[in-house]
Amino acid sequence: MSQHSRIVVWYQVAGQKVVLGESLSEGGQDVISIWLSVPEEENQGNSLGYRLSLFDDGGREIASKSVSMLTADEFLARIKIRV
């Protein structure tokens, strides 16, 4: 059975969720370790609406955190992006 956990990078504007990209777990990639390595924005007012959400194998969102625009950009640049 293959694992399909994923991290979704998204932006919230005017109550709408805009997905910027996602990273799926493939092979030996440990999505939870990647999730934990991404710093959360302590002052959520600085996040400007950027968030990362962690989804389990069943497609349920199990965690979410605010991130800065720079962190979101860096994350999107280093992952295999699926939109």
C-alpha atoms as a PDB file:
ATOM      1  CA  MET A   1       0.000   0.000   0.000  1.00  0.00           C
ATOM      2  CA  SER A   2       1.503   3.342  -0.986  1.00  0.00           C
ATOM      3  CA  GLN A   3       1.404   6.352   1.283  1.00  0.00           C
ATOM      4  CA  HIS A   4      -0.188   9.551   0.009  1.00  0.00           C
ATOM      5  CA  SER A   5       0.404  12.065   2.812  1.00  0.00           C
ATOM      6  CA  ARG A   6       0.908  15.575   1.502  1.00  0.00           C
ATOM      7  CA  ILE A   7       1.665  19.163   2.413  1.00  0.00           C
ATOM      8  CA  VAL A   8      -0.369  21.873   0.696  1.00  0.00           C
ATOM      9  CA  VAL A   9       0.863  25.467   0.473  1.00  0.00           C
ATOM     10  CA  TRP A  10      -1.999  27.919   0.222  1.00  0.00           C
ATOM     11  CA  TYR A  11      -2.917  31.561   0.564  1.00  0.00           C
ATOM     12  CA  GLN A  12      -6.099  32.965   2.044  1.00  0.00           C
ATOM     13  CA  VAL A  13      -7.564  36.115   0.564  1.00  0.00           C
ATOM     14  CA  ALA A  14     -11.092  37.442   1.103  1.00  0.00           C
ATOM     15  CA  GLY A  15     -12.235  34.148   2.601  1.00  0.00           C
ATOM     16  CA  GLN A  16     -10.994  32.156  -0.412  1.00  0.00           C
ATOM     17  CA  LYS A  17      -8.310  29.472  -0.276  1.00  0.00           C
ATOM     18  CA  VAL A  18      -5.838  29.646  -3.193  1.00  0.00           C
ATOM     19  CA  VAL A  19      -3.616  26.556  -3.491  1.00  0.00           C
ATOM     20  CA  LEU A  20      -0.079  27.473  -4.550  1.00  0.00           C
ATOM     21  CA  GLY A  21       1.365  23.943  -4.675  1.00  0.00           C
ATOM     22  CA  GLU A  22       1.661  20.653  -2.851  1.00  0.00           C
ATOM     23  CA  SER A  23       4.238  18.053  -1.968  1.00  0.00           C
ATOM     24  CA  LEU A  24       3.245  14.387  -1.982  1.00  0.00           C
ATOM     25  CA  SER A  25       5.088  11.705  -0.063  1.00  0.00           C
ATOM     26  CA  GLU A  26       6.872   9.478  -2.542  1.00  0.00           C
ATOM     27  CA  GLY A  27       9.327   6.683  -1.911  1.00  0.00           C
ATOM     28  CA  GLY A  28      11.473   7.435   1.119  1.00  0.00           C
ATOM     29  CA  GLN A  29      10.333  11.039   1.461  1.00  0.00           C
ATOM     30  CA  ASP A  30       9.128  11.712   5.006  1.00  0.00           C
ATOM     31  CA  VAL A  31       6.468  14.421   4.730  1.00  0.00           C
ATOM     32  CA  ILE A  32       6.092  14.712   8.505  1.00  0.00           C
ATOM     33  CA  SER A  33       9.812  15.506   8.924  1.00  0.00           C
ATOM     34  CA  ILE A  34       9.546  18.108   6.175  1.00  0.00           C
ATOM     35  CA  TRP A  35       6.444  19.548   7.872  1.00  0.00           C
ATOM     36  CA  LEU A  36       8.240  19.807  11.214  1.00  0.00           C
ATOM     37  CA  SER A  37      11.278  21.485   9.628  1.00  0.00           C
ATOM     38  CA  VAL A  38       9.237  24.415   8.254  1.00  0.00           C
ATOM     39  CA  PRO A  39       9.152  27.270  10.787  1.00  0.00           C
ATOM     40  CA  GLU A  40       5.769  28.560  11.919  1.00  0.00           C
ATOM     41  CA  GLU A  41       5.189  32.308  11.943  1.00  0.00           C
ATOM     42  CA  GLU A  42       4.927  33.272  15.617  1.00  0.00           C
ATOM     43  CA  ASN A  43       3.154  36.551  14.908  1.00  0.00           C
ATOM     44  CA  GLN A  44       0.350  35.421  12.603  1.00  0.00           C
ATOM     45  CA  GLY A  45      -0.192  39.014  11.491  1.00  0.00           C
ATOM     46  CA  ASN A  46       3.129  38.755   9.619  1.00  0.00           C
ATOM     47  CA  SER A  47       2.016  35.655   7.697  1.00  0.00           C
ATOM     48  CA  LEU A  48      -0.082  37.692   5.232  1.00  0.00           C
ATOM     49  CA  GLY A  49      -2.414  34.721   4.794  1.00  0.00           C
ATOM     50  CA  TYR A  50       0.191  32.116   3.778  1.00  0.00           C
ATOM     51  CA  ARG A  51      -0.339  28.665   5.330  1.00  0.00           C
ATOM     52  CA  LEU A  52       0.884  25.100   5.094  1.00  0.00           C
ATOM     53  CA  SER A  53      -1.528  22.244   5.748  1.00  0.00           C
ATOM     54  CA  LEU A  54      -0.550  18.639   6.446  1.00  0.00           C
ATOM     55  CA  PHE A  55      -2.922  15.935   5.182  1.00  0.00           C
ATOM     56  CA  ASP A  56      -2.905  12.247   6.168  1.00  0.00           C
ATOM     57  CA  ASP A  57      -3.267   9.227   3.875  1.00  0.00           C
ATOM     58  CA  GLY A  58      -7.058   9.510   4.005  1.00  0.00           C
ATOM     59  CA  GLY A  59      -7.061  13.127   2.814  1.00  0.00           C
ATOM     60  CA  ARG A  60      -7.942  14.645   6.204  1.00  0.00           C
ATOM     61  CA  GLU A  61      -6.197  17.860   7.238  1.00  0.00           C
ATOM     62  CA  ILE A  62      -4.370  16.974  10.449  1.00  0.00           C
ATOM     63  CA  ALA A  63      -2.329  20.153  10.998  1.00  0.00           C
ATOM     64  CA  SER A  64      -1.969  23.686   9.688  1.00  0.00           C
ATOM     65  CA  LYS A  65       0.405  26.538  10.379  1.00  0.00           C
ATOM     66  CA  SER A  66       0.907  30.151   9.377  1.00  0.00           C
ATOM     67  CA  VAL A  67       4.113  30.858   7.495  1.00  0.00           C
ATOM     68  CA  SER A  68       5.752  33.971   6.107  1.00  0.00           C
ATOM     69  CA  MET A  69       5.695  34.711   2.391  1.00  0.00           C
ATOM     70  CA  LEU A  70       9.455  34.033   2.274  1.00  0.00           C
ATOM     71  CA  THR A  71       9.027  30.630   3.957  1.00  0.00           C
ATOM     72  CA  ALA A  72       6.208  29.700   1.554  1.00  0.00           C
ATOM     73  CA  ASP A  73       8.365  30.724  -1.439  1.00  0.00           C
ATOM     74  CA  GLU A  74      11.370  28.771  -0.158  1.00  0.00           C
ATOM     75  CA  PHE A  75       9.230  25.704   0.480  1.00  0.00           C
ATOM     76  CA  LEU A  76       7.693  25.846  -2.986  1.00  0.00           C
ATOM     77  CA  ALA A  77      11.145  26.259  -4.552  1.00  0.00           C
ATOM     78  CA  ARG A  78      12.584  23.141  -2.881  1.00  0.00           C
ATOM     79  CA  ILE A  79       9.693  20.700  -3.346  1.00  0.00           C
ATOM     80  CA  LYS A  80       8.382  18.874  -6.347  1.00  0.00           C
ATOM     81  CA  ILE A  81       5.369  21.103  -7.025  1.00  0.00           C
ATOM     82  CA  ARG A  82       1.979  19.757  -8.036  1.00  0.00           C
ATOM     83  CA  VAL A  83      -0.797  22.232  -8.732  1.00  0.00           C
END
